[in-house]
Amino acid sequence: MECVKKYINAVIMPFNYLFYKLYVFYLVISSGDSPSGMSHLGVMGALIACNIITLSLTVWGYFPPIWIYAISFLIIIPYAFSKVAEIIVSKYENEQENSRIIGNIVVVIYIILSVVSLILVL
């Protein structure tokens, strides 16, 4: 059971960090107010859907069935709850300057690669 917890944590942690970075980005562009709506969740879901489409087109050669897109929706559902958002933000809000810069670079590279790879397989 401990092995399953470690696996789930390893899979979910990058999504938590991506959520945090998108949340902070929307905080900055909304002048420090709490991000209105769920725009950051929409971007996160769109990135996950891009990855699903890219993987499907690359591996199988066709668009995935519509129910596969539910996976991206299921992944982002927990992030819609304010308690989960608070826990994730409090976990990462005190990150060191080095970590913040590296994290920003990794997230930007992930976003660029997601979009470019989707464009290349279309």
PDB file of N, CA and C in Angstrom:
ATOM      1  N   MET A   1       0.825  -1.203   0.000  1.00  0.00           N
ATOM      2  CA  MET A   1       0.000   0.000   0.000  1.00  0.00           C
ATOM      3  C   MET A   1       0.867   1.265   0.000  1.00  0.00           C
ATOM      4  N   GLU A   2       1.979   1.204   0.707  1.00  0.00           N
ATOM      5  CA  GLU A   2       2.891   2.335   0.761  1.00  0.00           C
ATOM      6  C   GLU A   2       3.456   2.642  -0.631  1.00  0.00           C
ATOM      7  N   CYS A   3       3.704   1.600  -1.404  1.00  0.00           N
ATOM      8  CA  CYS A   3       4.218   1.753  -2.765  1.00  0.00           C
ATOM      9  C   CYS A   3       3.205   2.489  -3.643  1.00  0.00           C
ATOM     10  N   VAL A   4       1.934   2.169  -3.469  1.00  0.00           N
ATOM     11  CA  VAL A   4       0.875   2.828  -4.237  1.00  0.00           C
ATOM     12  C   VAL A   4       0.806   4.308  -3.879  1.00  0.00           C
ATOM     13  N   LYS A   5       0.924   4.630  -2.594  1.00  0.00           N
ATOM     14  CA  LYS A   5       0.900   6.026  -2.161  1.00  0.00           C
ATOM     15  C   LYS A   5       2.065   6.812  -2.775  1.00  0.00           C
ATOM     16  N   LYS A   6       3.243   6.202  -2.797  1.00  0.00           N
ATOM     17  CA  LYS A   6       4.404   6.877  -3.373  1.00  0.00           C
ATOM     18  C   LYS A   6       4.209   7.102  -4.868  1.00  0.00           C
ATOM     19  N   TYR A   7       3.637   6.104  -5.544  1.00  0.00           N
ATOM     20  CA  TYR A   7       3.391   6.224  -6.989  1.00  0.00           C
ATOM     21  C   TYR A   7       2.387   7.337  -7.267  1.00  0.00           C
ATOM     22  N   ILE A   8       1.291   7.338  -6.528  1.00  0.00           N
ATOM     23  CA  ILE A   8       0.258   8.365  -6.721  1.00  0.00           C
ATOM     24  C   ILE A   8       0.835   9.746  -6.436  1.00  0.00           C
ATOM     25  N   ASN A   9       1.633   9.865  -5.389  1.00  0.00           N
ATOM     26  CA  ASN A   9       2.255  11.150  -5.061  1.00  0.00           C
ATOM     27  C   ASN A   9       3.197  11.597  -6.171  1.00  0.00           C
ATOM     28  N   ALA A  10       3.958  10.670  -6.732  1.00  0.00           N
ATOM     29  CA  ALA A  10       4.886  11.008  -7.817  1.00  0.00           C
ATOM     30  C   ALA A  10       4.142  11.461  -9.069  1.00  0.00           C
ATOM     31  N   VAL A  11       2.965  10.906  -9.311  1.00  0.00           N
ATOM     32  CA  VAL A  11       2.174  11.285 -10.482  1.00  0.00           C
ATOM     33  C   VAL A  11       1.461  12.614 -10.249  1.00  0.00           C
ATOM     34  N   ILE A  12       0.941  12.827  -9.056  1.00  0.00           N
ATOM     35  CA  ILE A  12       0.140  14.013  -8.756  1.00  0.00           C
ATOM     36  C   ILE A  12       0.996  15.251  -8.481  1.00  0.00           C
ATOM     37  N   MET A  13       2.187  15.081  -7.926  1.00  0.00           N
ATOM     38  CA  MET A  13       3.003  16.225  -7.537  1.00  0.00           C
ATOM     39  C   MET A  13       3.287  17.196  -8.688  1.00  0.00           C
ATOM     40  N   PRO A  14       3.633  16.725  -9.881  1.00  0.00           N
ATOM     41  CA  PRO A  14       3.832  17.697 -10.975  1.00  0.00           C
ATOM     42  C   PRO A  14       2.561  18.496 -11.302  1.00  0.00           C
ATOM     43  N   PHE A  15       1.406  17.866 -11.191  1.00  0.00           N
ATOM     44  CA  PHE A  15       0.149  18.591 -11.433  1.00  0.00           C
ATOM     45  C   PHE A  15      -0.069  19.633 -10.347  1.00  0.00           C
ATOM     46  N   ASN A  16       0.286  19.294  -9.106  1.00  0.00           N
ATOM     47  CA  ASN A  16       0.166  20.265  -8.014  1.00  0.00           C
ATOM     48  C   ASN A  16       1.040  21.484  -8.282  1.00  0.00           C
ATOM     49  N   TYR A  17       2.267  21.250  -8.731  1.00  0.00           N
ATOM     50  CA  TYR A  17       3.183  22.356  -8.995  1.00  0.00           C
ATOM     51  C   TYR A  17       2.708  23.179 -10.188  1.00  0.00           C
ATOM     52  N   LEU A  18       2.228  22.513 -11.221  1.00  0.00           N
ATOM     53  CA  LEU A  18       1.677  23.227 -12.368  1.00  0.00           C
ATOM     54  C   LEU A  18       0.496  24.088 -11.932  1.00  0.00           C
ATOM     55  N   PHE A  19      -0.391  23.523 -11.110  1.00  0.00           N
ATOM     56  CA  PHE A  19      -1.524  24.290 -10.582  1.00  0.00           C
ATOM     57  C   PHE A  19      -1.020  25.517  -9.836  1.00  0.00           C
ATOM     58  N   TYR A  20      -0.031  25.328  -8.961  1.00  0.00           N
ATOM     59  CA  TYR A  20       0.500  26.431  -8.174  1.00  0.00           C
ATOM     60  C   TYR A  20       1.049  27.533  -9.073  1.00  0.00           C
ATOM     61  N   LYS A  21       1.843  27.160 -10.073  1.00  0.00           N
ATOM     62  CA  LYS A  21       2.442  28.168 -10.949  1.00  0.00           C
ATOM     63  C   LYS A  21       1.372  28.914 -11.753  1.00  0.00           C
ATOM     64  N   LEU A  22       0.365  28.195 -12.238  1.00  0.00           N
ATOM     65  CA  LEU A  22      -0.721  28.865 -12.977  1.00  0.00           C
ATOM     66  C   LEU A  22      -1.530  29.763 -12.043  1.00  0.00           C
ATOM     67  N   TYR A  23      -1.771  29.295 -10.824  1.00  0.00           N
ATOM     68  CA  TYR A  23      -2.502  30.082  -9.823  1.00  0.00           C
ATOM     69  C   TYR A  23      -1.757  31.390  -9.541  1.00  0.00           C
ATOM     70  N   VAL A  24      -0.439  31.287  -9.315  1.00  0.00           N
ATOM     71  CA  VAL A  24       0.370  32.482  -9.036  1.00  0.00           C
ATOM     72  C   VAL A  24       0.380  33.412 -10.244  1.00  0.00           C
ATOM     73  N   PHE A  25       0.501  32.845 -11.448  1.00  0.00           N
ATOM     74  CA  PHE A  25       0.475  33.662 -12.658  1.00  0.00           C
ATOM     75  C   PHE A  25      -0.831  34.456 -12.738  1.00  0.00           C
ATOM     76  N   TYR A  26      -1.956  33.805 -12.465  1.00  0.00           N
ATOM     77  CA  TYR A  26      -3.234  34.512 -12.518  1.00  0.00           C
ATOM     78  C   TYR A  26      -3.385  35.500 -11.366  1.00  0.00           C
ATOM     79  N   LEU A  27      -2.711  35.244 -10.237  1.00  0.00           N
ATOM     80  CA  LEU A  27      -2.687  36.236  -9.157  1.00  0.00           C
ATOM     81  C   LEU A  27      -1.963  37.500  -9.614  1.00  0.00           C
ATOM     82  N   VAL A  28      -0.848  37.312 -10.275  1.00  0.00           N
ATOM     83  CA  VAL A  28      -0.045  38.450 -10.732  1.00  0.00           C
ATOM     84  C   VAL A  28      -0.815  39.277 -11.750  1.00  0.00           C
ATOM     85  N   ILE A  29      -1.446  38.613 -12.737  1.00  0.00           N
ATOM     86  CA  ILE A  29      -2.143  39.394 -13.763  1.00  0.00           C
ATOM     87  C   ILE A  29      -3.474  39.955 -13.270  1.00  0.00           C
ATOM     88  N   SER A  30      -3.960  39.468 -12.111  1.00  0.00           N
ATOM     89  CA  SER A  30      -5.198  40.039 -11.570  1.00  0.00           C
ATOM     90  C   SER A  30      -4.897  40.999 -10.430  1.00  0.00           C
ATOM     91  N   SER A  31      -3.704  41.566 -10.398  1.00  0.00           N
ATOM     92  CA  SER A  31      -3.273  42.596  -9.437  1.00  0.00           C
ATOM     93  C   SER A  31      -3.317  42.128  -7.990  1.00  0.00           C
ATOM     94  N   GLY A  32      -3.003  40.870  -7.744  1.00  0.00           N
ATOM     95  CA  GLY A  32      -2.909  40.372  -6.383  1.00  0.00           C
ATOM     96  C   GLY A  32      -4.213  39.892  -5.781  1.00  0.00           C
ATOM     97  N   ASP A  33      -5.325  40.148  -6.453  1.00  0.00           N
ATOM     98  CA  ASP A  33      -6.592  39.616  -5.955  1.00  0.00           C
ATOM     99  C   ASP A  33      -6.615  38.122  -6.213  1.00  0.00           C
ATOM    100  N   SER A  34      -7.491  37.446  -5.523  1.00  0.00           N
ATOM    101  CA  SER A  34      -7.648  36.015  -5.774  1.00  0.00           C
ATOM    102  C   SER A  34      -8.102  35.834  -7.217  1.00  0.00           C
ATOM    103  N   PRO A  35      -7.529  34.855  -7.929  1.00  0.00           N
ATOM    104  CA  PRO A  35      -7.905  34.684  -9.332  1.00  0.00           C
ATOM    105  C   PRO A  35      -9.411  34.507  -9.480  1.00  0.00           C
ATOM    106  N   SER A  36     -10.002  35.347 -10.316  1.00  0.00           N
ATOM    107  CA  SER A  36     -11.440  35.250 -10.505  1.00  0.00           C
ATOM    108  C   SER A  36     -11.744  34.061 -11.402  1.00  0.00           C
ATOM    109  N   GLY A  37     -12.784  33.363 -11.073  1.00  0.00           N
ATOM    110  CA  GLY A  37     -13.166  32.211 -11.875  1.00  0.00           C
ATOM    111  C   GLY A  37     -12.157  31.097 -11.760  1.00  0.00           C
ATOM    112  N   MET A  38     -12.147  30.280 -12.761  1.00  0.00           N
ATOM    113  CA  MET A  38     -11.268  29.116 -12.755  1.00  0.00           C
ATOM    114  C   MET A  38     -10.387  29.102 -14.003  1.00  0.00           C
ATOM    115  N   SER A  39      -9.947  30.265 -14.439  1.00  0.00           N
ATOM    116  CA  SER A  39      -9.147  30.352 -15.656  1.00  0.00           C
ATOM    117  C   SER A  39      -7.908  29.480 -15.602  1.00  0.00           C
ATOM    118  N   HIS A  40      -7.231  29.484 -14.458  1.00  0.00           N
ATOM    119  CA  HIS A  40      -6.024  28.687 -14.324  1.00  0.00           C
ATOM    120  C   HIS A  40      -6.328  27.198 -14.452  1.00  0.00           C
ATOM    121  N   LEU A  41      -7.508  26.778 -14.009  1.00  0.00           N
ATOM    122  CA  LEU A  41      -7.905  25.379 -14.168  1.00  0.00           C
ATOM    123  C   LEU A  41      -8.206  25.058 -15.623  1.00  0.00           C
ATOM    124  N   GLY A  42      -8.776  26.003 -16.330  1.00  0.00           N
ATOM    125  CA  GLY A  42      -9.039  25.802 -17.756  1.00  0.00           C
ATOM    126  C   GLY A  42      -7.756  25.626 -18.543  1.00  0.00           C
ATOM    127  N   VAL A  43      -6.753  26.437 -18.229  1.00  0.00           N
ATOM    128  CA  VAL A  43      -5.462  26.316 -18.901  1.00  0.00           C
ATOM    129  C   VAL A  43      -4.822  24.972 -18.555  1.00  0.00           C
ATOM    130  N   MET A  44      -4.897  24.582 -17.297  1.00  0.00           N
ATOM    131  CA  MET A  44      -4.331  23.304 -16.879  1.00  0.00           C
ATOM    132  C   MET A  44      -5.021  22.139 -17.594  1.00  0.00           C
ATOM    133  N   GLY A  45      -6.337  22.171 -17.664  1.00  0.00           N
ATOM    134  CA  GLY A  45      -7.093  21.129 -18.363  1.00  0.00           C
ATOM    135  C   GLY A  45      -6.775  21.100 -19.845  1.00  0.00           C
ATOM    136  N   ALA A  46      -6.601  22.282 -20.448  1.00  0.00           N
ATOM    137  CA  ALA A  46      -6.265  22.343 -21.871  1.00  0.00           C
ATOM    138  C   ALA A  46      -4.880  21.748 -22.137  1.00  0.00           C
ATOM    139  N   LEU A  47      -3.937  22.001 -21.237  1.00  0.00           N
ATOM    140  CA  LEU A  47      -2.601  21.423 -21.398  1.00  0.00           C
ATOM    141  C   LEU A  47      -2.637  19.903 -21.289  1.00  0.00           C
ATOM    142  N   ILE A  48      -3.390  19.399 -20.341  1.00  0.00           N
ATOM    143  CA  ILE A  48      -3.510  17.951 -20.182  1.00  0.00           C
ATOM    144  C   ILE A  48      -4.189  17.347 -21.412  1.00  0.00           C
ATOM    145  N   ALA A  49      -5.237  18.007 -21.908  1.00  0.00           N
ATOM    146  CA  ALA A  49      -5.908  17.523 -23.120  1.00  0.00           C
ATOM    147  C   ALA A  49      -4.954  17.546 -24.314  1.00  0.00           C
ATOM    148  N   CYS A  50      -4.114  18.592 -24.422  1.00  0.00           N
ATOM    149  CA  CYS A  50      -3.097  18.641 -25.493  1.00  0.00           C
ATOM    150  C   CYS A  50      -2.195  17.418 -25.424  1.00  0.00           C
ATOM    151  N   ASN A  51      -1.775  17.083 -24.217  1.00  0.00           N
ATOM    152  CA  ASN A  51      -0.890  15.929 -24.051  1.00  0.00           C
ATOM    153  C   ASN A  51      -1.589  14.627 -24.404  1.00  0.00           C
ATOM    154  N   ILE A  52      -2.854  14.499 -24.048  1.00  0.00           N
ATOM    155  CA  ILE A  52      -3.619  13.290 -24.377  1.00  0.00           C
ATOM    156  C   ILE A  52      -3.767  13.159 -25.893  1.00  0.00           C
ATOM    157  N   ILE A  53      -4.116  14.256 -26.556  1.00  0.00           N
ATOM    158  CA  ILE A  53      -4.275  14.233 -28.016  1.00  0.00           C
ATOM    159  C   ILE A  53      -2.946  13.900 -28.692  1.00  0.00           C
ATOM    160  N   THR A  54      -1.868  14.543 -28.249  1.00  0.00           N
ATOM    161  CA  THR A  54      -0.547  14.299 -28.838  1.00  0.00           C
ATOM    162  C   THR A  54      -0.144  12.841 -28.673  1.00  0.00           C
ATOM    163  N   LEU A  55      -0.331  12.307 -27.490  1.00  0.00           N
ATOM    164  CA  LEU A  55       0.017  10.908 -27.232  1.00  0.00           C
ATOM    165  C   LEU A  55      -0.810   9.966 -28.105  1.00  0.00           C
ATOM    166  N   SER A  56      -2.096  10.222 -28.186  1.00  0.00           N
ATOM    167  CA  SER A  56      -2.980   9.372 -28.983  1.00  0.00           C
ATOM    168  C   SER A  56      -2.615   9.413 -30.463  1.00  0.00           C
ATOM    169  N   LEU A  57      -2.391  10.607 -30.991  1.00  0.00           N
ATOM    170  CA  LEU A  57      -2.036  10.728 -32.412  1.00  0.00           C
ATOM    171  C   LEU A  57      -0.673  10.108 -32.707  1.00  0.00           C
ATOM    172  N   THR A  58       0.247  10.232 -31.776  1.00  0.00           N
ATOM    173  CA  THR A  58       1.584   9.677 -31.975  1.00  0.00           C
ATOM    174  C   THR A  58       1.583   8.155 -31.887  1.00  0.00           C
ATOM    175  N   VAL A  59       0.908   7.616 -30.884  1.00  0.00           N
ATOM    176  CA  VAL A  59       0.941   6.168 -30.645  1.00  0.00           C
ATOM    177  C   VAL A  59      -0.028   5.413 -31.554  1.00  0.00           C
ATOM    178  N   TRP A  60      -1.281   5.887 -31.631  1.00  0.00           N
ATOM    179  CA  TRP A  60      -2.305   5.144 -32.358  1.00  0.00           C
ATOM    180  C   TRP A  60      -2.658   5.736 -33.718  1.00  0.00           C
ATOM    181  N   GLY A  61      -2.325   6.999 -33.937  1.00  0.00           N
ATOM    182  CA  GLY A  61      -2.575   7.606 -35.231  1.00  0.00           C
ATOM    183  C   GLY A  61      -3.964   8.193 -35.411  1.00  0.00           C
ATOM    184  N   TYR A  62      -4.746   8.286 -34.360  1.00  0.00           N
ATOM    185  CA  TYR A  62      -6.075   8.895 -34.468  1.00  0.00           C
ATOM    186  C   TYR A  62      -6.411   9.632 -33.179  1.00  0.00           C
ATOM    187  N   PHE A  63      -7.410  10.529 -33.290  1.00  0.00           N
ATOM    188  CA  PHE A  63      -7.851  11.277 -32.119  1.00  0.00           C
ATOM    189  C   PHE A  63      -8.474  10.319 -31.111  1.00  0.00           C
ATOM    190  N   PRO A  64      -8.270  10.582 -29.837  1.00  0.00           N
ATOM    191  CA  PRO A  64      -8.853   9.695 -28.823  1.00  0.00           C
ATOM    192  C   PRO A  64     -10.367   9.845 -28.775  1.00  0.00           C
ATOM    193  N   PRO A  65     -11.054   8.800 -28.310  1.00  0.00           N
ATOM    194  CA  PRO A  65     -12.509   8.918 -28.151  1.00  0.00           C
ATOM    195  C   PRO A  65     -12.841  10.023 -27.135  1.00  0.00           C
ATOM    196  N   ILE A  66     -14.017  10.552 -27.234  1.00  0.00           N
ATOM    197  CA  ILE A  66     -14.411  11.697 -26.413  1.00  0.00           C
ATOM    198  C   ILE A  66     -14.322  11.399 -24.915  1.00  0.00           C
ATOM    199  N   TRP A  67     -14.562  10.155 -24.513  1.00  0.00           N
ATOM    200  CA  TRP A  67     -14.524   9.848 -23.078  1.00  0.00           C
ATOM    201  C   TRP A  67     -13.116   9.960 -22.507  1.00  0.00           C
ATOM    202  N   ILE A  68     -12.114   9.883 -23.352  1.00  0.00           N
ATOM    203  CA  ILE A  68     -10.731  10.027 -22.881  1.00  0.00           C
ATOM    204  C   ILE A  68     -10.496  11.444 -22.355  1.00  0.00           C
ATOM    205  N   TYR A  69     -11.174  12.428 -22.955  1.00  0.00           N
ATOM    206  CA  TYR A  69     -11.016  13.806 -22.491  1.00  0.00           C
ATOM    207  C   TYR A  69     -11.523  13.971 -21.062  1.00  0.00           C
ATOM    208  N   ALA A  70     -12.366  13.065 -20.637  1.00  0.00           N
ATOM    209  CA  ALA A  70     -12.846  13.105 -19.254  1.00  0.00           C
ATOM    210  C   ALA A  70     -11.692  12.939 -18.273  1.00  0.00           C
ATOM    211  N   ILE A  71     -10.625  12.301 -18.718  1.00  0.00           N
ATOM    212  CA  ILE A  71      -9.463  12.124 -17.850  1.00  0.00           C
ATOM    213  C   ILE A  71      -8.894  13.476 -17.435  1.00  0.00           C
ATOM    214  N   SER A  72      -8.757  14.393 -18.392  1.00  0.00           N
ATOM    215  CA  SER A  72      -8.228  15.713 -18.037  1.00  0.00           C
ATOM    216  C   SER A  72      -9.179  16.434 -17.092  1.00  0.00           C
ATOM    217  N   PHE A  73     -10.468  16.250 -17.294  1.00  0.00           N
ATOM    218  CA  PHE A  73     -11.453  16.847 -16.396  1.00  0.00           C
ATOM    219  C   PHE A  73     -11.349  16.238 -15.003  1.00  0.00           C
ATOM    220  N   LEU A  74     -11.210  14.916 -14.925  1.00  0.00           N
ATOM    221  CA  LEU A  74     -11.101  14.241 -13.629  1.00  0.00           C
ATOM    222  C   LEU A  74      -9.825  14.642 -12.892  1.00  0.00           C
ATOM    223  N   ILE A  75      -8.766  14.889 -13.638  1.00  0.00           N
ATOM    224  CA  ILE A  75      -7.508  15.286 -13.002  1.00  0.00           C
ATOM    225  C   ILE A  75      -7.634  16.661 -12.349  1.00  0.00           C
ATOM    226  N   ILE A  76      -8.361  17.574 -12.988  1.00  0.00           N
ATOM    227  CA  ILE A  76      -8.423  18.937 -12.439  1.00  0.00           C
ATOM    228  C   ILE A  76      -9.561  19.166 -11.445  1.00  0.00           C
ATOM    229  N   ILE A  77     -10.499  18.237 -11.324  1.00  0.00           N
ATOM    230  CA  ILE A  77     -11.622  18.433 -10.389  1.00  0.00           C
ATOM    231  C   ILE A  77     -11.167  18.765  -8.966  1.00  0.00           C
ATOM    232  N   PRO A  78     -10.209  18.008  -8.392  1.00  0.00           N
ATOM    233  CA  PRO A  78      -9.822  18.332  -7.005  1.00  0.00           C
ATOM    234  C   PRO A  78      -9.301  19.758  -6.830  1.00  0.00           C
ATOM    235  N   TYR A  79      -8.697  20.314  -7.874  1.00  0.00           N
ATOM    236  CA  TYR A  79      -8.124  21.650  -7.776  1.00  0.00           C
ATOM    237  C   TYR A  79      -9.196  22.742  -7.728  1.00  0.00           C
ATOM    238  N   ALA A  80     -10.411  22.409  -8.030  1.00  0.00           N
ATOM    239  CA  ALA A  80     -11.501  23.389  -8.002  1.00  0.00           C
ATOM    240  C   ALA A  80     -11.956  23.691  -6.578  1.00  0.00           C
ATOM    241  N   PHE A  81     -11.610  22.815  -5.638  1.00  0.00           N
ATOM    242  CA  PHE A  81     -11.996  23.022  -4.245  1.00  0.00           C
ATOM    243  C   PHE A  81     -10.994  23.951  -3.572  1.00  0.00           C
ATOM    244  N   SER A  82     -11.503  24.987  -2.915  1.00  0.00           N
ATOM    245  CA  SER A  82     -10.621  25.999  -2.336  1.00  0.00           C
ATOM    246  C   SER A  82      -9.698  25.422  -1.271  1.00  0.00           C
ATOM    247  N   LYS A  83     -10.146  24.422  -0.532  1.00  0.00           N
ATOM    248  CA  LYS A  83      -9.307  23.809   0.507  1.00  0.00           C
ATOM    249  C   LYS A  83      -8.069  23.154  -0.119  1.00  0.00           C
ATOM    250  N   VAL A  84      -8.256  22.452  -1.230  1.00  0.00           N
ATOM    251  CA  VAL A  84      -7.132  21.818  -1.932  1.00  0.00           C
ATOM    252  C   VAL A  84      -6.188  22.897  -2.453  1.00  0.00           C
ATOM    253  N   ALA A  85      -6.758  23.952  -3.024  1.00  0.00           N
ATOM    254  CA  ALA A  85      -5.930  25.050  -3.544  1.00  0.00           C
ATOM    255  C   ALA A  85      -5.107  25.676  -2.418  1.00  0.00           C
ATOM    256  N   GLU A  86      -5.720  25.886  -1.264  1.00  0.00           N
ATOM    257  CA  GLU A  86      -5.003  26.473  -0.124  1.00  0.00           C
ATOM    258  C   GLU A  86      -3.845  25.591   0.319  1.00  0.00           C
ATOM    259  N   ILE A  87      -4.074  24.281   0.373  1.00  0.00           N
ATOM    260  CA  ILE A  87      -3.026  23.343   0.793  1.00  0.00           C
ATOM    261  C   ILE A  87      -1.854  23.397  -0.183  1.00  0.00           C
ATOM    262  N   ILE A  88      -2.156  23.378  -1.482  1.00  0.00           N
ATOM    263  CA  ILE A  88      -1.094  23.384  -2.499  1.00  0.00           C
ATOM    264  C   ILE A  88      -0.337  24.703  -2.479  1.00  0.00           C
ATOM    265  N   VAL A  89      -1.057  25.809  -2.399  1.00  0.00           N
ATOM    266  CA  VAL A  89      -0.405  27.126  -2.385  1.00  0.00           C
ATOM    267  C   VAL A  89       0.468  27.264  -1.142  1.00  0.00           C
ATOM    268  N   SER A  90      -0.025  26.823   0.012  1.00  0.00           N
ATOM    269  CA  SER A  90       0.780  26.934   1.238  1.00  0.00           C
ATOM    270  C   SER A  90       2.017  26.044   1.178  1.00  0.00           C
ATOM    271  N   LYS A  91       1.934  24.946   0.455  1.00  0.00           N
ATOM    272  CA  LYS A  91       3.086  24.045   0.324  1.00  0.00           C
ATOM    273  C   LYS A  91       4.217  24.689  -0.464  1.00  0.00           C
ATOM    274  N   TYR A  92       3.876  25.441  -1.507  1.00  0.00           N
ATOM    275  CA  TYR A  92       4.890  25.991  -2.407  1.00  0.00           C
ATOM    276  C   TYR A  92       5.158  27.481  -2.227  1.00  0.00           C
ATOM    277  N   GLU A  93       4.378  28.195  -1.426  1.00  0.00           N
ATOM    278  CA  GLU A  93       4.508  29.649  -1.380  1.00  0.00           C
ATOM    279  C   GLU A  93       5.831  30.129  -0.784  1.00  0.00           C
ATOM    280  N   ASN A  94       6.507  29.306  -0.014  1.00  0.00           N
ATOM    281  CA  ASN A  94       7.777  29.714   0.577  1.00  0.00           C
ATOM    282  C   ASN A  94       8.974  29.126  -0.167  1.00  0.00           C
ATOM    283  N   GLU A  95       8.807  28.840  -1.445  1.00  0.00           N
ATOM    284  CA  GLU A  95       9.911  28.244  -2.193  1.00  0.00           C
ATOM    285  C   GLU A  95      11.033  29.256  -2.361  1.00  0.00           C
ATOM    286  N   GLN A  96      12.238  28.754  -2.371  1.00  0.00           N
ATOM    287  CA  GLN A  96      13.409  29.611  -2.496  1.00  0.00           C
ATOM    288  C   GLN A  96      13.470  30.222  -3.891  1.00  0.00           C
ATOM    289  N   GLU A  97      14.230  31.302  -3.996  1.00  0.00           N
ATOM    290  CA  GLU A  97      14.347  32.024  -5.264  1.00  0.00           C
ATOM    291  C   GLU A  97      14.875  31.120  -6.383  1.00  0.00           C
ATOM    292  N   ASN A  98      15.895  30.317  -6.080  1.00  0.00           N
ATOM    293  CA  ASN A  98      16.436  29.386  -7.073  1.00  0.00           C
ATOM    294  C   ASN A  98      15.370  28.419  -7.557  1.00  0.00           C
ATOM    295  N   SER A  99      14.644  27.830  -6.623  1.00  0.00           N
ATOM    296  CA  SER A  99      13.585  26.875  -6.971  1.00  0.00           C
ATOM    297  C   SER A  99      12.495  27.546  -7.788  1.00  0.00           C
ATOM    298  N   ARG A 100      12.175  28.777  -7.430  1.00  0.00           N
ATOM    299  CA  ARG A 100      11.125  29.505  -8.147  1.00  0.00           C
ATOM    300  C   ARG A 100      11.532  29.742  -9.604  1.00  0.00           C
ATOM    301  N   ILE A 101      12.769  30.152  -9.803  1.00  0.00           N
ATOM    302  CA  ILE A 101      13.248  30.417 -11.165  1.00  0.00           C
ATOM    303  C   ILE A 101      13.278  29.126 -11.979  1.00  0.00           C
ATOM    304  N   ILE A 102      13.841  28.071 -11.395  1.00  0.00           N
ATOM    305  CA  ILE A 102      13.888  26.780 -12.089  1.00  0.00           C
ATOM    306  C   ILE A 102      12.480  26.273 -12.362  1.00  0.00           C
ATOM    307  N   GLY A 103      11.591  26.418 -11.393  1.00  0.00           N
ATOM    308  CA  GLY A 103      10.198  25.994 -11.573  1.00  0.00           C
ATOM    309  C   GLY A 103       9.520  26.744 -12.697  1.00  0.00           C
ATOM    310  N   ASN A 104       9.753  28.045 -12.762  1.00  0.00           N
ATOM    311  CA  ASN A 104       9.173  28.845 -13.848  1.00  0.00           C
ATOM    312  C   ASN A 104       9.681  28.376 -15.203  1.00  0.00           C
ATOM    313  N   ILE A 105      10.981  28.100 -15.281  1.00  0.00           N
ATOM    314  CA  ILE A 105      11.563  27.629 -16.544  1.00  0.00           C
ATOM    315  C   ILE A 105      10.966  26.287 -16.943  1.00  0.00           C
ATOM    316  N   VAL A 106      10.847  25.371 -15.980  1.00  0.00           N
ATOM    317  CA  VAL A 106      10.297  24.035 -16.272  1.00  0.00           C
ATOM    318  C   VAL A 106       8.847  24.137 -16.740  1.00  0.00           C
ATOM    319  N   VAL A 107       8.054  24.963 -16.077  1.00  0.00           N
ATOM    320  CA  VAL A 107       6.646  25.107 -16.456  1.00  0.00           C
ATOM    321  C   VAL A 107       6.515  25.738 -17.840  1.00  0.00           C
ATOM    322  N   VAL A 108       7.322  26.758 -18.133  1.00  0.00           N
ATOM    323  CA  VAL A 108       7.268  27.386 -19.458  1.00  0.00           C
ATOM    324  C   VAL A 108       7.683  26.390 -20.536  1.00  0.00           C
ATOM    325  N   ILE A 109       8.729  25.614 -20.270  1.00  0.00           N
ATOM    326  CA  ILE A 109       9.160  24.596 -21.241  1.00  0.00           C
ATOM    327  C   ILE A 109       8.070  23.551 -21.438  1.00  0.00           C
ATOM    328  N   TYR A 110       7.417  23.136 -20.349  1.00  0.00           N
ATOM    329  CA  TYR A 110       6.322  22.163 -20.458  1.00  0.00           C
ATOM    330  C   TYR A 110       5.187  22.708 -21.327  1.00  0.00           C
ATOM    331  N   ILE A 111       4.824  23.958 -21.106  1.00  0.00           N
ATOM    332  CA  ILE A 111       3.736  24.563 -21.881  1.00  0.00           C
ATOM    333  C   ILE A 111       4.129  24.664 -23.360  1.00  0.00           C
ATOM    334  N   ILE A 112       5.332  25.130 -23.626  1.00  0.00           N
ATOM    335  CA  ILE A 112       5.791  25.265 -25.020  1.00  0.00           C
ATOM    336  C   ILE A 112       5.844  23.894 -25.693  1.00  0.00           C
ATOM    337  N   LEU A 113       6.431  22.908 -25.020  1.00  0.00           N
ATOM    338  CA  LEU A 113       6.518  21.571 -25.608  1.00  0.00           C
ATOM    339  C   LEU A 113       5.146  20.948 -25.849  1.00  0.00           C
ATOM    340  N   SER A 114       4.219  21.188 -24.934  1.00  0.00           N
ATOM    341  CA  SER A 114       2.860  20.650 -25.113  1.00  0.00           C
ATOM    342  C   SER A 114       2.210  21.209 -26.366  1.00  0.00           C
ATOM    343  N   VAL A 115       2.299  22.516 -26.526  1.00  0.00           N
ATOM    344  CA  VAL A 115       1.660  23.149 -27.672  1.00  0.00           C
ATOM    345  C   VAL A 115       2.387  22.801 -28.980  1.00  0.00           C
ATOM    346  N   VAL A 116       3.705  22.879 -28.963  1.00  0.00           N
ATOM    347  CA  VAL A 116       4.477  22.600 -30.182  1.00  0.00           C
ATOM    348  C   VAL A 116       4.313  21.137 -30.608  1.00  0.00           C
ATOM    349  N   SER A 117       4.346  20.212 -29.670  1.00  0.00           N
ATOM    350  CA  SER A 117       4.187  18.803 -30.032  1.00  0.00           C
ATOM    351  C   SER A 117       2.804  18.527 -30.596  1.00  0.00           C
ATOM    352  N   LEU A 118       1.784  19.194 -30.072  1.00  0.00           N
ATOM    353  CA  LEU A 118       0.441  19.039 -30.621  1.00  0.00           C
ATOM    354  C   LEU A 118       0.392  19.564 -32.057  1.00  0.00           C
ATOM    355  N   ILE A 119       0.986  20.715 -32.278  1.00  0.00           N
ATOM    356  CA  ILE A 119       1.009  21.295 -33.625  1.00  0.00           C
ATOM    357  C   ILE A 119       1.757  20.371 -34.587  1.00  0.00           C
ATOM    358  N   LEU A 120       2.858  19.793 -34.155  1.00  0.00           N
ATOM    359  CA  LEU A 120       3.650  18.924 -35.014  1.00  0.00           C
ATOM    360  C   LEU A 120       2.925  17.632 -35.393  1.00  0.00           C
ATOM    361  N   VAL A 121       2.107  17.085 -34.491  1.00  0.00           N
ATOM    362  CA  VAL A 121       1.419  15.833 -34.824  1.00  0.00           C
ATOM    363  C   VAL A 121       0.121  16.058 -35.595  1.00  0.00           C
ATOM    364  N   LEU A 122      -0.363  17.286 -35.590  1.00  0.00           N
ATOM    365  CA  LEU A 122      -1.590  17.573 -36.357  1.00  0.00           C
ATOM    366  C   LEU A 122      -1.248  17.670 -37.769  1.00  0.00           C
TER     367      LEU A 122
END
